[in-house]
C-alpha atoms as a PDB file:
ATOM      1  CA  UNK A   1      16.948 -16.911  10.348  1.00  0.00           C
ATOM      2  CA  UNK A   2      20.695 -16.311  10.054  1.00  0.00           C
ATOM      3  CA  UNK A   3      23.210 -17.774   7.627  1.00  0.00           C
ATOM      4  CA  UNK A   4      25.836 -19.028  10.088  1.00  0.00           C
ATOM      5  CA  UNK A   5      28.681 -17.303   8.225  1.00  0.00           C
ATOM      6  CA  UNK A   6      31.179 -14.866   9.676  1.00  0.00           C
ATOM      7  CA  UNK A   7      29.950 -12.378   7.081  1.00  0.00           C
ATOM      8  CA  UNK A   8      27.390 -12.964   4.363  1.00  0.00           C
ATOM      9  CA  UNK A   9      28.322 -13.525   0.727  1.00  0.00           C
ATOM     10  CA  UNK A  10      26.511 -11.381  -1.821  1.00  0.00           C
ATOM     11  CA  UNK A  11      26.524 -10.487  -5.496  1.00  0.00           C
ATOM     12  CA  UNK A  12      29.448 -11.815  -7.499  1.00  0.00           C
ATOM     13  CA  UNK A  13      30.725 -13.696  -4.408  1.00  0.00           C
ATOM     14  CA  UNK A  14      31.546 -10.461  -2.588  1.00  0.00           C
ATOM     15  CA  UNK A  15      31.900 -10.653   1.174  1.00  0.00           C
ATOM     16  CA  UNK A  16      29.917  -8.227   3.269  1.00  0.00           C
ATOM     17  CA  UNK A  17      31.682  -6.383   6.079  1.00  0.00           C
ATOM     18  CA  UNK A  18      29.343  -7.464   8.885  1.00  0.00           C
ATOM     19  CA  UNK A  19      27.726 -10.559  10.281  1.00  0.00           C
ATOM     20  CA  UNK A  20      24.075 -11.090   9.323  1.00  0.00           C
ATOM     21  CA  UNK A  21      21.987 -10.951  12.534  1.00  0.00           C
ATOM     22  CA  UNK A  22      19.021 -13.229  12.999  1.00  0.00           C
ATOM     23  CA  UNK A  23      15.638 -11.963  11.771  1.00  0.00           C
ATOM     24  CA  UNK A  24      13.759 -13.496  14.697  1.00  0.00           C
ATOM     25  CA  UNK A  25      11.837 -10.849  16.660  1.00  0.00           C
ATOM     26  CA  UNK A  26      13.219  -8.176  14.336  1.00  0.00           C
ATOM     27  CA  UNK A  27       9.955  -6.228  14.442  1.00  0.00           C
ATOM     28  CA  UNK A  28      10.591  -5.346  18.097  1.00  0.00           C
ATOM     29  CA  UNK A  29      13.822  -3.452  17.391  1.00  0.00           C
ATOM     30  CA  UNK A  30      13.645   0.334  17.305  1.00  0.00           C
ATOM     31  CA  UNK A  31      16.584   0.636  14.906  1.00  0.00           C
ATOM     32  CA  UNK A  32      17.753  -1.842  12.274  1.00  0.00           C
ATOM     33  CA  UNK A  33      21.179  -2.913  11.019  1.00  0.00           C
ATOM     34  CA  UNK A  34      24.176  -3.032  13.343  1.00  0.00           C
ATOM     35  CA  UNK A  35      24.622   0.722  12.890  1.00  0.00           C
ATOM     36  CA  UNK A  36      20.935   1.629  13.232  1.00  0.00           C
ATOM     37  CA  UNK A  37      20.649   3.277   9.840  1.00  0.00           C
ATOM     38  CA  UNK A  38      17.037   2.163   9.258  1.00  0.00           C
ATOM     39  CA  UNK A  39      14.098   3.218  11.417  1.00  0.00           C
ATOM     40  CA  UNK A  40      11.625   0.594  10.263  1.00  0.00           C
ATOM     41  CA  UNK A  41      11.390  -2.663   8.379  1.00  0.00           C
ATOM     42  CA  UNK A  42       9.974  -0.737   5.427  1.00  0.00           C
ATOM     43  CA  UNK A  43      13.011   1.584   5.449  1.00  0.00           C
ATOM     44  CA  UNK A  44      15.312  -1.390   5.720  1.00  0.00           C
ATOM     45  CA  UNK A  45      13.739  -3.469   2.956  1.00  0.00           C
ATOM     46  CA  UNK A  46      15.372  -1.894  -0.090  1.00  0.00           C
ATOM     47  CA  UNK A  47      18.866  -1.448   1.368  1.00  0.00           C
ATOM     48  CA  UNK A  48      20.096  -5.061   1.019  1.00  0.00           C
ATOM     49  CA  UNK A  49      18.322  -5.343  -2.328  1.00  0.00           C
ATOM     50  CA  UNK A  50      20.241  -2.449  -3.868  1.00  0.00           C
ATOM     51  CA  UNK A  51      23.576  -2.849  -2.020  1.00  0.00           C
ATOM     52  CA  UNK A  52      26.378  -3.600  -4.504  1.00  0.00           C
ATOM     53  CA  UNK A  53      27.771  -6.389  -2.312  1.00  0.00           C
ATOM     54  CA  UNK A  54      24.413  -7.968  -1.473  1.00  0.00           C
ATOM     55  CA  UNK A  55      21.698  -8.324  -4.132  1.00  0.00           C
ATOM     56  CA  UNK A  56      22.939  -5.566  -6.467  1.00  0.00           C
ATOM     57  CA  UNK A  57      19.455  -4.874  -7.805  1.00  0.00           C
ATOM     58  CA  UNK A  58      18.393  -1.572  -9.371  1.00  0.00           C
ATOM     59  CA  UNK A  59      15.433  -0.848  -7.106  1.00  0.00           C
ATOM     60  CA  UNK A  60      13.809   1.526  -9.603  1.00  0.00           C
ATOM     61  CA  UNK A  61      13.545  -1.272 -12.163  1.00  0.00           C
ATOM     62  CA  UNK A  62      12.404  -3.945  -9.680  1.00  0.00           C
ATOM     63  CA  UNK A  63       8.608  -3.380 -10.048  1.00  0.00           C
ATOM     64  CA  UNK A  64       8.880  -3.694 -13.829  1.00  0.00           C
ATOM     65  CA  UNK A  65      10.907  -6.859 -13.397  1.00  0.00           C
ATOM     66  CA  UNK A  66       8.259  -8.415 -11.144  1.00  0.00           C
ATOM     67  CA  UNK A  67       5.380  -7.357 -13.444  1.00  0.00           C
ATOM     68  CA  UNK A  68       6.867  -9.591 -16.123  1.00  0.00           C
ATOM     69  CA  UNK A  69       6.274 -12.568 -13.815  1.00  0.00           C
ATOM     70  CA  UNK A  70       2.513 -13.024 -14.212  1.00  0.00           C
ATOM     71  CA  UNK A  71       2.208 -15.203 -11.139  1.00  0.00           C
ATOM     72  CA  UNK A  72       2.802 -12.237  -8.824  1.00  0.00           C
ATOM     73  CA  UNK A  73      -0.328 -10.351  -9.941  1.00  0.00           C
ATOM     74  CA  UNK A  74      -2.902 -12.346  -7.940  1.00  0.00           C
ATOM     75  CA  UNK A  75      -0.759 -12.140  -4.797  1.00  0.00           C
ATOM     76  CA  UNK A  76      -0.483  -8.362  -5.015  1.00  0.00           C
ATOM     77  CA  UNK A  77      -4.214  -8.100  -5.681  1.00  0.00           C
ATOM     78  CA  UNK A  78      -5.025 -10.262  -2.662  1.00  0.00           C
ATOM     79  CA  UNK A  79      -2.713  -8.203  -0.425  1.00  0.00           C
ATOM     80  CA  UNK A  80      -3.374  -4.678  -1.703  1.00  0.00           C
ATOM     81  CA  UNK A  81      -6.626  -4.758  -3.684  1.00  0.00           C
ATOM     82  CA  UNK A  82      -5.088  -4.233  -7.124  1.00  0.00           C
ATOM     83  CA  UNK A  83      -2.403  -5.930  -9.196  1.00  0.00           C
ATOM     84  CA  UNK A  84      -0.235  -2.820  -9.275  1.00  0.00           C
ATOM     85  CA  UNK A  85       3.368  -3.551  -8.201  1.00  0.00           C
ATOM     86  CA  UNK A  86       5.330  -0.673  -6.655  1.00  0.00           C
ATOM     87  CA  UNK A  87       8.440  -0.370  -4.532  1.00  0.00           C
ATOM     88  CA  UNK A  88       6.276   0.701  -1.611  1.00  0.00           C
ATOM     89  CA  UNK A  89       4.209  -2.467  -1.884  1.00  0.00           C
ATOM     90  CA  UNK A  90       7.315  -4.622  -2.240  1.00  0.00           C
ATOM     91  CA  UNK A  91       8.787  -3.075   0.920  1.00  0.00           C
ATOM     92  CA  UNK A  92       5.494  -3.468   2.763  1.00  0.00           C
ATOM     93  CA  UNK A  93       5.294  -7.135   1.759  1.00  0.00           C
ATOM     94  CA  UNK A  94       8.822  -7.883   2.934  1.00  0.00           C
ATOM     95  CA  UNK A  95       8.245  -6.022   6.198  1.00  0.00           C
ATOM     96  CA  UNK A  96       4.959  -7.810   6.859  1.00  0.00           C
ATOM     97  CA  UNK A  97       6.620 -11.194   6.392  1.00  0.00           C
ATOM     98  CA  UNK A  98       9.479 -10.297   8.710  1.00  0.00           C
ATOM     99  CA  UNK A  99       7.013  -9.235  11.391  1.00  0.00           C
ATOM    100  CA  UNK A 100       5.809 -12.843  11.470  1.00  0.00           C
ATOM    101  CA  UNK A 101       9.236 -14.166  12.511  1.00  0.00           C
ATOM    102  CA  UNK A 102       8.890 -14.519  16.262  1.00  0.00           C
ATOM    103  CA  UNK A 103      10.775 -16.937  18.472  1.00  0.00           C
ATOM    104  CA  UNK A 104       8.847 -19.565  20.370  1.00  0.00           C
ATOM    105  CA  UNK A 105       8.569 -20.372  24.075  1.00  0.00           C
ATOM    106  CA  UNK A 106      11.787 -21.370  25.819  1.00  0.00           C
ATOM    107  CA  UNK A 107      12.720 -23.213  29.011  1.00  0.00           C
ATOM    108  CA  UNK A 108      13.405 -19.812  30.545  1.00  0.00           C
ATOM    109  CA  UNK A 109       9.835 -18.714  29.751  1.00  0.00           C
ATOM    110  CA  UNK A 110       8.500 -21.901  31.335  1.00  0.00           C
ATOM    111  CA  UNK A 111      10.595 -21.164  34.413  1.00  0.00           C
ATOM    112  CA  UNK A 112       9.081 -17.677  34.634  1.00  0.00           C
ATOM    113  CA  UNK A 113       5.640 -19.271  34.339  1.00  0.00           C
ATOM    114  CA  UNK A 114       6.361 -21.087  37.641  1.00  0.00           C
ATOM    115  CA  UNK A 115       7.679 -24.367  36.237  1.00  0.00           C
ATOM    116  CA  UNK A 116      10.542 -24.714  38.695  1.00  0.00           C
ATOM    117  CA  UNK A 117      11.873 -27.792  36.906  1.00  0.00           C
ATOM    118  CA  UNK A 118      12.288 -25.994  33.577  1.00  0.00           C
ATOM    119  CA  UNK A 119      15.851 -24.890  34.422  1.00  0.00           C
ATOM    120  CA  UNK A 120      18.655 -26.998  35.838  1.00  0.00           C
ATOM    121  CA  UNK A 121      20.499 -25.871  38.974  1.00  0.00           C
ATOM    122  CA  UNK A 122      23.421 -24.843  36.749  1.00  0.00           C
ATOM    123  CA  UNK A 123      21.106 -22.716  34.587  1.00  0.00           C
ATOM    124  CA  UNK A 124      19.575 -21.065  37.658  1.00  0.00           C
ATOM    125  CA  UNK A 125      23.082 -20.178  38.816  1.00  0.00           C
ATOM    126  CA  UNK A 126      23.794 -18.838  35.323  1.00  0.00           C
ATOM    127  CA  UNK A 127      20.654 -16.683  35.491  1.00  0.00           C
ATOM    128  CA  UNK A 128      21.786 -15.289  38.832  1.00  0.00           C
ATOM    129  CA  UNK A 129      25.251 -14.505  37.451  1.00  0.00           C
ATOM    130  CA  UNK A 130      23.716 -12.990  34.290  1.00  0.00           C
ATOM    131  CA  UNK A 131      21.839 -10.535  36.506  1.00  0.00           C
ATOM    132  CA  UNK A 132      24.655  -9.821  38.971  1.00  0.00           C
ATOM    133  CA  UNK A 133      28.383 -10.577  38.794  1.00  0.00           C
ATOM    134  CA  UNK A 134      28.550 -11.154  35.011  1.00  0.00           C
ATOM    135  CA  UNK A 135      26.747  -7.820  34.424  1.00  0.00           C
ATOM    136  CA  UNK A 136      25.131  -9.102  31.211  1.00  0.00           C
ATOM    137  CA  UNK A 137      21.807  -7.559  32.171  1.00  0.00           C
ATOM    138  CA  UNK A 138      23.195  -4.020  31.888  1.00  0.00           C
ATOM    139  CA  UNK A 139      22.725  -4.279  28.118  1.00  0.00           C
ATOM    140  CA  UNK A 140      20.791  -7.519  27.624  1.00  0.00           C
ATOM    141  CA  UNK A 141      17.523  -6.894  29.426  1.00  0.00           C
ATOM    142  CA  UNK A 142      13.777  -6.955  28.783  1.00  0.00           C
ATOM    143  CA  UNK A 143      11.739  -9.679  27.071  1.00  0.00           C
ATOM    144  CA  UNK A 144      14.159  -9.934  24.146  1.00  0.00           C
ATOM    145  CA  UNK A 145      17.333  -9.405  26.185  1.00  0.00           C
ATOM    146  CA  UNK A 146      18.357  -6.147  24.533  1.00  0.00           C
ATOM    147  CA  UNK A 147      18.294  -2.535  25.663  1.00  0.00           C
ATOM    148  CA  UNK A 148      17.692  -1.460  22.041  1.00  0.00           C
ATOM    149  CA  UNK A 149      20.722   0.778  22.407  1.00  0.00           C
ATOM    150  CA  UNK A 150      24.250   1.019  20.967  1.00  0.00           C
ATOM    151  CA  UNK A 151      27.558   0.304  22.706  1.00  0.00           C
ATOM    152  CA  UNK A 152      31.263   0.215  21.879  1.00  0.00           C
ATOM    153  CA  UNK A 153      32.543  -3.248  22.810  1.00  0.00           C
ATOM    154  CA  UNK A 154      36.149  -2.567  21.830  1.00  0.00           C
ATOM    155  CA  UNK A 155      36.069  -4.211  18.402  1.00  0.00           C
ATOM    156  CA  UNK A 156      36.305  -1.067  16.233  1.00  0.00           C
ATOM    157  CA  UNK A 157      39.760  -1.840  14.748  1.00  0.00           C
ATOM    158  CA  UNK A 158      40.246   1.917  14.537  1.00  0.00           C
ATOM    159  CA  UNK A 159      42.982   2.864  12.094  1.00  0.00           C
ATOM    160  CA  UNK A 160      43.499  -0.734  11.039  1.00  0.00           C
ATOM    161  CA  UNK A 161      42.486  -3.002   8.172  1.00  0.00           C
ATOM    162  CA  UNK A 162      39.075  -4.035   9.493  1.00  0.00           C
ATOM    163  CA  UNK A 163      38.041  -0.638  10.839  1.00  0.00           C
ATOM    164  CA  UNK A 164      34.288  -0.241  11.321  1.00  0.00           C
ATOM    165  CA  UNK A 165      33.016   2.953  12.935  1.00  0.00           C
ATOM    166  CA  UNK A 166      29.481   1.634  13.467  1.00  0.00           C
ATOM    167  CA  UNK A 167      26.849   4.126  14.579  1.00  0.00           C
ATOM    168  CA  UNK A 168      29.170   7.051  13.797  1.00  0.00           C
ATOM    169  CA  UNK A 169      28.722   6.341  10.087  1.00  0.00           C
ATOM    170  CA  UNK A 170      25.059   7.275  10.557  1.00  0.00           C
ATOM    171  CA  UNK A 171      25.127  10.060  13.152  1.00  0.00           C
ATOM    172  CA  UNK A 172      28.593  11.577  12.538  1.00  0.00           C
ATOM    173  CA  UNK A 173      28.847  12.166  16.279  1.00  0.00           C
ATOM    174  CA  UNK A 174      32.354  11.454  17.657  1.00  0.00           C
ATOM    175  CA  UNK A 175      30.897   9.829  20.765  1.00  0.00           C
ATOM    176  CA  UNK A 176      29.236   7.201  18.537  1.00  0.00           C
ATOM    177  CA  UNK A 177      32.459   5.861  17.022  1.00  0.00           C
ATOM    178  CA  UNK A 178      32.557   2.077  17.353  1.00  0.00           C
ATOM    179  CA  UNK A 179      29.063   1.707  18.766  1.00  0.00           C
ATOM    180  CA  UNK A 180      26.902  -1.171  17.526  1.00  0.00           C
ATOM    181  CA  UNK A 181      23.367  -2.280  18.300  1.00  0.00           C
ATOM    182  CA  UNK A 182      22.836  -4.608  21.235  1.00  0.00           C
ATOM    183  CA  UNK A 183      21.533  -7.879  19.758  1.00  0.00           C
ATOM    184  CA  UNK A 184      18.755  -9.807  21.436  1.00  0.00           C
ATOM    185  CA  UNK A 185      19.723 -13.103  23.055  1.00  0.00           C
ATOM    186  CA  UNK A 186      16.736 -15.313  22.312  1.00  0.00           C
ATOM    187  CA  UNK A 187      18.111 -18.307  20.376  1.00  0.00           C
ATOM    188  CA  UNK A 188      21.582 -16.786  20.697  1.00  0.00           C
ATOM    189  CA  UNK A 189      23.155 -20.235  20.889  1.00  0.00           C
ATOM    190  CA  UNK A 190      21.821 -20.983  17.395  1.00  0.00           C
ATOM    191  CA  UNK A 191      23.212 -17.839  15.762  1.00  0.00           C
ATOM    192  CA  UNK A 192      27.000 -18.210  15.857  1.00  0.00           C
ATOM    193  CA  UNK A 193      29.326 -16.623  14.932  1.00  0.00           C
ATOM    194  CA  UNK A 194      28.894 -13.614  17.196  1.00  0.00           C
ATOM    195  CA  UNK A 195      29.590  -9.854  17.284  1.00  0.00           C
ATOM    196  CA  UNK A 196      29.014  -7.400  14.447  1.00  0.00           C
ATOM    197  CA  UNK A 197      31.978  -8.794  12.521  1.00  0.00           C
ATOM    198  CA  UNK A 198      31.287 -12.463  13.251  1.00  0.00           C
ATOM    199  CA  UNK A 199      34.651 -12.672  14.990  1.00  0.00           C
ATOM    200  CA  UNK A 200      33.854 -15.507  17.405  1.00  0.00           C
ATOM    201  CA  UNK A 201      32.390 -18.862  16.424  1.00  0.00           C
ATOM    202  CA  UNK A 202      33.042 -20.309  19.892  1.00  0.00           C
ATOM    203  CA  UNK A 203      30.958 -19.139  22.867  1.00  0.00           C
ATOM    204  CA  UNK A 204      33.911 -19.830  25.168  1.00  0.00           C
ATOM    205  CA  UNK A 205      35.852 -17.211  23.208  1.00  0.00           C
ATOM    206  CA  UNK A 206      33.021 -14.718  23.692  1.00  0.00           C
ATOM    207  CA  UNK A 207      32.930 -15.383  27.438  1.00  0.00           C
ATOM    208  CA  UNK A 208      36.691 -15.054  27.730  1.00  0.00           C
ATOM    209  CA  UNK A 209      36.629 -11.672  25.996  1.00  0.00           C
ATOM    210  CA  UNK A 210      33.968 -10.333  28.349  1.00  0.00           C
ATOM    211  CA  UNK A 211      35.769 -11.901  31.290  1.00  0.00           C
ATOM    212  CA  UNK A 212      38.838  -9.776  30.547  1.00  0.00           C
ATOM    213  CA  UNK A 213      36.746  -6.660  29.851  1.00  0.00           C
ATOM    214  CA  UNK A 214      37.078  -6.651  26.041  1.00  0.00           C
ATOM    215  CA  UNK A 215      40.109  -5.150  24.227  1.00  0.00           C
ATOM    216  CA  UNK A 216      41.100  -1.518  24.755  1.00  0.00           C
ATOM    217  CA  UNK A 217      42.039   0.696  21.836  1.00  0.00           C
ATOM    218  CA  UNK A 218      45.806   0.929  21.491  1.00  0.00           C
ATOM    219  CA  UNK A 219      46.587   4.637  21.224  1.00  0.00           C
ATOM    220  CA  UNK A 220      49.408   5.597  18.888  1.00  0.00           C
ATOM    221  CA  UNK A 221      51.259   8.875  19.556  1.00  0.00           C
ATOM    222  CA  UNK A 222      49.673  10.522  16.522  1.00  0.00           C
ATOM    223  CA  UNK A 223      46.194   9.582  17.819  1.00  0.00           C
ATOM    224  CA  UNK A 224      46.465  11.267  21.208  1.00  0.00           C
ATOM    225  CA  UNK A 225      44.324  14.247  20.175  1.00  0.00           C
ATOM    226  CA  UNK A 226      42.171  12.415  17.636  1.00  0.00           C
ATOM    227  CA  UNK A 227      38.508  13.391  18.298  1.00  0.00           C
ATOM    228  CA  UNK A 228      37.342  10.122  16.733  1.00  0.00           C
ATOM    229  CA  UNK A 229      39.465   7.859  18.906  1.00  0.00           C
ATOM    230  CA  UNK A 230      37.029   5.145  20.071  1.00  0.00           C
ATOM    231  CA  UNK A 231      36.224   4.799  23.752  1.00  0.00           C
ATOM    232  CA  UNK A 232      34.951   1.527  25.146  1.00  0.00           C
ATOM    233  CA  UNK A 233      31.578   1.621  26.843  1.00  0.00           C
ATOM    234  CA  UNK A 234      31.836   2.457  30.532  1.00  0.00           C
ATOM    235  CA  UNK A 235      29.737  -0.615  31.316  1.00  0.00           C
ATOM    236  CA  UNK A 236      32.580  -2.855  30.146  1.00  0.00           C
ATOM    237  CA  UNK A 237      34.989  -4.158  32.728  1.00  0.00           C
ATOM    238  CA  UNK A 238      36.566  -7.481  33.546  1.00  0.00           C
ATOM    239  CA  UNK A 239      33.994  -9.680  35.246  1.00  0.00           C
ATOM    240  CA  UNK A 240      36.484 -12.323  36.418  1.00  0.00           C
ATOM    241  CA  UNK A 241      34.195 -15.337  36.366  1.00  0.00           C
ATOM    242  CA  UNK A 242      35.587 -18.734  37.283  1.00  0.00           C
ATOM    243  CA  UNK A 243      35.418 -21.513  34.716  1.00  0.00           C
ATOM    244  CA  UNK A 244      32.428 -23.000  36.561  1.00  0.00           C
ATOM    245  CA  UNK A 245      30.662 -19.625  36.538  1.00  0.00           C
ATOM    246  CA  UNK A 246      31.317 -19.136  32.817  1.00  0.00           C
ATOM    247  CA  UNK A 247      29.881 -22.594  32.159  1.00  0.00           C
ATOM    248  CA  UNK A 248      26.800 -21.671  34.205  1.00  0.00           C
ATOM    249  CA  UNK A 249      26.173 -18.497  32.172  1.00  0.00           C
ATOM    250  CA  UNK A 250      26.532 -20.491  28.946  1.00  0.00           C
ATOM    251  CA  UNK A 251      24.089 -23.083  30.303  1.00  0.00           C
ATOM    252  CA  UNK A 252      21.601 -20.282  31.002  1.00  0.00           C
ATOM    253  CA  UNK A 253      22.007 -18.957  27.453  1.00  0.00           C
ATOM    254  CA  UNK A 254      21.017 -22.407  26.203  1.00  0.00           C
ATOM    255  CA  UNK A 255      17.750 -22.023  28.130  1.00  0.00           C
ATOM    256  CA  UNK A 256      16.886 -19.112  25.810  1.00  0.00           C
ATOM    257  CA  UNK A 257      16.701 -21.460  22.810  1.00  0.00           C
ATOM    258  CA  UNK A 258      13.324 -22.457  21.395  1.00  0.00           C
ATOM    259  CA  UNK A 259      12.319 -25.249  19.059  1.00  0.00           C
ATOM    260  CA  UNK A 260      12.896 -24.322  15.403  1.00  0.00           C
ATOM    261  CA  UNK A 261       9.827 -23.292  13.441  1.00  0.00           C
ATOM    262  CA  UNK A 262       9.193 -25.449  10.389  1.00  0.00           C
ATOM    263  CA  UNK A 263       8.087 -23.366   7.417  1.00  0.00           C
ATOM    264  CA  UNK A 264       6.765 -24.810   4.190  1.00  0.00           C
ATOM    265  CA  UNK A 265       8.796 -23.872   1.157  1.00  0.00           C
ATOM    266  CA  UNK A 266       6.451 -22.091  -1.228  1.00  0.00           C
ATOM    267  CA  UNK A 267       6.724 -22.431  -4.984  1.00  0.00           C
ATOM    268  CA  UNK A 268       7.864 -19.208  -6.589  1.00  0.00           C
ATOM    269  CA  UNK A 269       5.394 -17.411  -8.869  1.00  0.00           C
ATOM    270  CA  UNK A 270       5.938 -17.993 -12.579  1.00  0.00           C
END
């Protein structure tokens, strides 16, 4: 449930500015989008539809457009009791579908269920490092391996071509500059490239960045007193894993993968 691109391509072949995160388990997130600008799947539903660089659809005219397709009427009646098509019902339908997108059981889950053979020795070491020396668990915790919070990982590009202020664009709080939502890690090895800007397609590159503590903002003289100057999250610091330890963490991340769900392709209403 991700497109595998660095950033998605939308209307008229326009590139988006951020990587499309997977939709698996999306119903368990408290905030949606990398910058948390939507509070629910219903709130989120219309935003990609009307965005100029995504679907570029006039949301106000969408119900009328769908009413012209007679095949939608029985589906709306079955779902809502009448054939009336409204933006609220469209959003509800999209949200309900997305709530069905849950990841399946993984080797890690089997290990937790007392199957001691579910993980290899290397993966068990990776799990230990994930929880301790590698410090991954500070942000990636809980059943979906996310704290449902926002952090600055040093990839703001402040004052440069690819600047993205993240959560600040929503809250307008200086302390939120460069913060992005912590993604869940279930099936993470199937959702490259990684980070909000899709910067890394290679997991070794991701590990190396965390190993060095992520990049610090270079402060120019004219930025010394800038209230919006990004500050990396205090949880970030070089973890100094050996190559064998990095490989073990990566092996553990593979244990969070589940078998793909096969979904029948439905014929569109006519």
